[in-house]
Amino acid sequence: MSITTLSSREFNQKLNQAKRAAKNGPVFITDRGRPAHVLMSFELYQRITGSHKKIADLLAMPGIDDIDFEIPISRELARPADFS
């Protein structure tokens, strides 16, 4: 995996080159010399984020009725929020 760095100006001028580079690794896009954004392939994004699913998606799975699920009772008391 290689890392490519482009300035914002280069990125705007060489979008196709940035897309090709993203197939080989992340592309750092800089603003005034400082990293500001990262372009990467969707496959790399999925690998980095893992297979995190939303709870709603998991609850909507077929066969969910067959799973026993018990939520433990919390013994902690709720505290008021501090908005100061």
N, C-alpha and C. Protein backbone atom coordinates (compact mmCIF):
# COMPACT_ATOMS: atom_id res chain seq x y z
N MET A 1 0.86 -1.17 0.00
CA MET A 1 0.00 0.00 0.00
C MET A 1 0.90 1.23 0.00
N SER A 2 0.62 2.14 -0.91
CA SER A 2 1.40 3.37 -0.98
C SER A 2 0.53 4.56 -0.61
N ILE A 3 1.18 5.58 -0.09
CA ILE A 3 0.47 6.81 0.29
C ILE A 3 0.89 7.90 -0.68
N THR A 4 -0.10 8.60 -1.23
CA THR A 4 0.14 9.70 -2.15
C THR A 4 -0.31 11.00 -1.49
N THR A 5 0.41 12.06 -1.70
CA THR A 5 0.04 13.36 -1.15
C THR A 5 -0.11 14.35 -2.30
N LEU A 6 -1.25 15.04 -2.32
CA LEU A 6 -1.52 16.06 -3.33
C LEU A 6 -2.02 17.33 -2.64
N SER A 7 -1.64 18.47 -3.17
CA SER A 7 -2.22 19.71 -2.66
C SER A 7 -3.66 19.80 -3.17
N SER A 8 -4.46 20.65 -2.59
CA SER A 8 -5.84 20.84 -3.05
C SER A 8 -5.86 21.24 -4.52
N ARG A 9 -4.93 22.08 -4.89
CA ARG A 9 -4.86 22.53 -6.28
C ARG A 9 -4.54 21.38 -7.22
N GLU A 10 -3.54 20.56 -6.84
CA GLU A 10 -3.19 19.39 -7.65
C GLU A 10 -4.36 18.42 -7.75
N PHE A 11 -5.04 18.23 -6.62
CA PHE A 11 -6.19 17.33 -6.60
C PHE A 11 -7.25 17.80 -7.59
N ASN A 12 -7.56 19.09 -7.60
CA ASN A 12 -8.56 19.63 -8.52
C ASN A 12 -8.14 19.48 -9.97
N GLN A 13 -6.85 19.60 -10.23
CA GLN A 13 -6.35 19.53 -11.60
C GLN A 13 -6.14 18.09 -12.07
N LYS A 14 -5.89 17.18 -11.13
CA LYS A 14 -5.53 15.80 -11.49
C LYS A 14 -6.44 14.79 -10.81
N LEU A 15 -7.74 14.99 -10.93
CA LEU A 15 -8.70 14.13 -10.25
C LEU A 15 -8.56 12.67 -10.68
N ASN A 16 -8.41 12.42 -11.96
CA ASN A 16 -8.27 11.03 -12.43
C ASN A 16 -7.02 10.37 -11.88
N GLN A 17 -5.93 11.13 -11.80
CA GLN A 17 -4.69 10.60 -11.23
C GLN A 17 -4.90 10.26 -9.75
N ALA A 18 -5.62 11.10 -9.03
CA ALA A 18 -5.89 10.85 -7.61
C ALA A 18 -6.74 9.59 -7.44
N LYS A 19 -7.73 9.41 -8.31
CA LYS A 19 -8.56 8.20 -8.23
C LYS A 19 -7.73 6.95 -8.47
N ARG A 20 -6.85 7.00 -9.46
CA ARG A 20 -5.98 5.83 -9.73
C ARG A 20 -5.06 5.56 -8.54
N ALA A 21 -4.51 6.61 -7.96
CA ALA A 21 -3.61 6.45 -6.82
C ALA A 21 -4.35 5.87 -5.62
N ALA A 22 -5.63 6.21 -5.48
CA ALA A 22 -6.42 5.71 -4.35
C ALA A 22 -6.62 4.20 -4.42
N LYS A 23 -6.46 3.60 -5.59
CA LYS A 23 -6.57 2.15 -5.71
C LYS A 23 -5.39 1.45 -5.04
N ASN A 24 -4.27 2.18 -4.89
CA ASN A 24 -3.06 1.61 -4.29
C ASN A 24 -2.85 2.02 -2.84
N GLY A 25 -3.68 2.90 -2.33
CA GLY A 25 -3.54 3.36 -0.95
C GLY A 25 -4.17 4.72 -0.78
N PRO A 26 -4.16 5.24 0.43
CA PRO A 26 -4.81 6.53 0.68
C PRO A 26 -4.09 7.68 -0.02
N VAL A 27 -4.88 8.69 -0.40
CA VAL A 27 -4.35 9.91 -1.01
C VAL A 27 -4.63 11.04 -0.02
N PHE A 28 -3.56 11.63 0.50
CA PHE A 28 -3.70 12.76 1.42
C PHE A 28 -3.81 14.03 0.59
N ILE A 29 -4.83 14.83 0.88
CA ILE A 29 -5.04 16.10 0.19
C ILE A 29 -4.75 17.20 1.20
N THR A 30 -3.84 18.09 0.84
CA THR A 30 -3.40 19.11 1.78
C THR A 30 -3.98 20.49 1.44
N ASP A 31 -4.16 21.29 2.47
CA ASP A 31 -4.51 22.70 2.34
C ASP A 31 -3.41 23.48 3.03
N ARG A 32 -2.74 24.32 2.27
CA ARG A 32 -1.62 25.12 2.81
C ARG A 32 -0.56 24.24 3.48
N GLY A 33 -0.31 23.08 2.88
CA GLY A 33 0.75 22.21 3.37
C GLY A 33 0.35 21.29 4.51
N ARG A 34 -0.87 21.40 5.00
CA ARG A 34 -1.31 20.55 6.11
C ARG A 34 -2.37 19.56 5.64
N PRO A 35 -2.29 18.30 6.05
CA PRO A 35 -3.29 17.32 5.64
C PRO A 35 -4.70 17.78 6.03
N ALA A 36 -5.63 17.73 5.07
CA ALA A 36 -6.99 18.18 5.32
C ALA A 36 -8.03 17.10 5.01
N HIS A 37 -7.74 16.26 4.02
CA HIS A 37 -8.70 15.24 3.59
C HIS A 37 -7.94 13.99 3.18
N VAL A 38 -8.67 12.87 3.13
CA VAL A 38 -8.10 11.62 2.65
C VAL A 38 -9.05 11.01 1.64
N LEU A 39 -8.52 10.63 0.50
CA LEU A 39 -9.29 9.93 -0.52
C LEU A 39 -8.81 8.48 -0.51
N MET A 40 -9.75 7.54 -0.50
CA MET A 40 -9.38 6.13 -0.53
C MET A 40 -10.43 5.34 -1.28
N SER A 41 -10.06 4.14 -1.69
CA SER A 41 -11.02 3.29 -2.38
C SER A 41 -12.08 2.83 -1.37
N PHE A 42 -13.23 2.47 -1.89
CA PHE A 42 -14.30 2.00 -1.00
C PHE A 42 -13.89 0.69 -0.32
N GLU A 43 -13.15 -0.15 -1.03
CA GLU A 43 -12.69 -1.42 -0.43
C GLU A 43 -11.78 -1.16 0.77
N LEU A 44 -10.88 -0.19 0.65
CA LEU A 44 -10.00 0.15 1.78
C LEU A 44 -10.82 0.71 2.94
N TYR A 45 -11.79 1.56 2.61
CA TYR A 45 -12.66 2.12 3.65
C TYR A 45 -13.38 1.00 4.41
N GLN A 46 -13.93 0.03 3.68
CA GLN A 46 -14.63 -1.08 4.33
C GLN A 46 -13.68 -1.90 5.20
N ARG A 47 -12.45 -2.11 4.71
CA ARG A 47 -11.48 -2.88 5.49
C ARG A 47 -11.12 -2.15 6.78
N ILE A 48 -10.96 -0.83 6.69
CA ILE A 48 -10.59 -0.04 7.88
C ILE A 48 -11.73 -0.01 8.89
N THR A 49 -12.94 0.22 8.42
CA THR A 49 -14.08 0.36 9.34
C THR A 49 -14.61 -0.98 9.82
N GLY A 50 -14.23 -2.06 9.17
CA GLY A 50 -14.70 -3.37 9.58
C GLY A 50 -16.14 -3.58 9.17
N SER A 51 -16.76 -4.53 9.81
CA SER A 51 -18.15 -4.85 9.43
C SER A 51 -19.12 -4.33 10.48
N HIS A 52 -18.93 -3.10 10.89
CA HIS A 52 -19.85 -2.50 11.85
C HIS A 52 -21.22 -2.34 11.21
N LYS A 53 -22.22 -2.85 11.88
CA LYS A 53 -23.57 -2.73 11.36
C LYS A 53 -24.41 -1.93 12.34
N LYS A 54 -25.45 -1.33 11.82
CA LYS A 54 -26.37 -0.59 12.66
C LYS A 54 -27.27 -1.56 13.41
N ILE A 55 -27.63 -1.21 14.64
CA ILE A 55 -28.48 -2.07 15.44
C ILE A 55 -29.82 -2.33 14.76
N ALA A 56 -30.35 -1.34 14.05
CA ALA A 56 -31.62 -1.51 13.34
C ALA A 56 -31.49 -2.58 12.25
N ASP A 57 -30.34 -2.60 11.56
CA ASP A 57 -30.12 -3.62 10.53
C ASP A 57 -30.04 -5.01 11.16
N LEU A 58 -29.36 -5.10 12.29
CA LEU A 58 -29.24 -6.40 12.96
C LEU A 58 -30.59 -6.89 13.48
N LEU A 59 -31.42 -5.98 13.99
CA LEU A 59 -32.73 -6.38 14.51
C LEU A 59 -33.69 -6.76 13.39
N ALA A 60 -33.42 -6.31 12.18
CA ALA A 60 -34.29 -6.62 11.05
C ALA A 60 -33.87 -7.90 10.33
N MET A 61 -32.85 -8.58 10.82
CA MET A 61 -32.37 -9.79 10.17
C MET A 61 -33.43 -10.89 10.21
N PRO A 62 -33.51 -11.69 9.15
CA PRO A 62 -34.43 -12.84 9.19
C PRO A 62 -33.97 -13.82 10.27
N GLY A 63 -34.92 -14.41 10.97
CA GLY A 63 -34.61 -15.38 12.01
C GLY A 63 -34.26 -14.77 13.35
N ILE A 64 -34.40 -13.46 13.48
CA ILE A 64 -34.05 -12.79 14.73
C ILE A 64 -34.94 -13.25 15.89
N ASP A 65 -36.13 -13.72 15.56
CA ASP A 65 -37.06 -14.18 16.60
C ASP A 65 -36.51 -15.39 17.35
N ASP A 66 -35.59 -16.13 16.74
CA ASP A 66 -35.06 -17.35 17.35
C ASP A 66 -33.91 -17.08 18.31
N ILE A 67 -33.48 -15.83 18.43
CA ILE A 67 -32.32 -15.50 19.27
C ILE A 67 -32.81 -15.01 20.62
N ASP A 68 -32.27 -15.63 21.69
CA ASP A 68 -32.58 -15.19 23.05
C ASP A 68 -31.65 -14.03 23.40
N PHE A 69 -32.24 -12.97 23.87
CA PHE A 69 -31.46 -11.77 24.19
C PHE A 69 -32.00 -11.18 25.47
N GLU A 70 -31.14 -11.13 26.49
CA GLU A 70 -31.54 -10.55 27.77
C GLU A 70 -30.67 -9.34 28.05
N ILE A 71 -31.31 -8.24 28.39
CA ILE A 71 -30.60 -7.02 28.72
C ILE A 71 -30.42 -6.97 30.23
N PRO A 72 -29.18 -6.88 30.71
CA PRO A 72 -28.97 -6.83 32.16
C PRO A 72 -29.53 -5.55 32.75
N ILE A 73 -30.06 -5.65 33.95
CA ILE A 73 -30.62 -4.49 34.63
C ILE A 73 -29.47 -3.69 35.24
N SER A 74 -29.44 -2.41 34.98
CA SER A 74 -28.40 -1.55 35.51
C SER A 74 -28.75 -1.15 36.93
N ARG A 75 -27.77 -1.22 37.80
CA ARG A 75 -27.95 -0.82 39.20
C ARG A 75 -27.52 0.63 39.42
N GLU A 76 -27.01 1.28 38.38
CA GLU A 76 -26.56 2.66 38.50
C GLU A 76 -27.74 3.61 38.39
N LEU A 77 -27.70 4.67 39.17
CA LEU A 77 -28.74 5.68 39.12
C LEU A 77 -28.39 6.73 38.07
N ALA A 78 -29.39 7.22 37.41
CA ALA A 78 -29.17 8.27 36.40
C ALA A 78 -28.77 9.55 37.11
N ARG A 79 -27.86 10.29 36.48
CA ARG A 79 -27.43 11.57 37.03
C ARG A 79 -27.93 12.68 36.12
N PRO A 80 -28.29 13.82 36.69
CA PRO A 80 -28.73 14.94 35.84
C PRO A 80 -27.56 15.44 34.99
N ALA A 81 -27.89 15.93 33.81
CA ALA A 81 -26.87 16.47 32.92
C ALA A 81 -26.36 17.80 33.44
N ASP A 82 -25.05 18.02 33.24
CA ASP A 82 -24.43 19.28 33.64
C ASP A 82 -24.28 20.15 32.40
N PHE A 83 -25.11 21.20 32.26
CA PHE A 83 -25.09 22.06 31.09
C PHE A 83 -24.32 23.37 31.34
N SER A 84 -23.48 23.39 32.34
CA SER A 84 -22.76 24.63 32.64
C SER A 84 -21.59 24.85 31.71
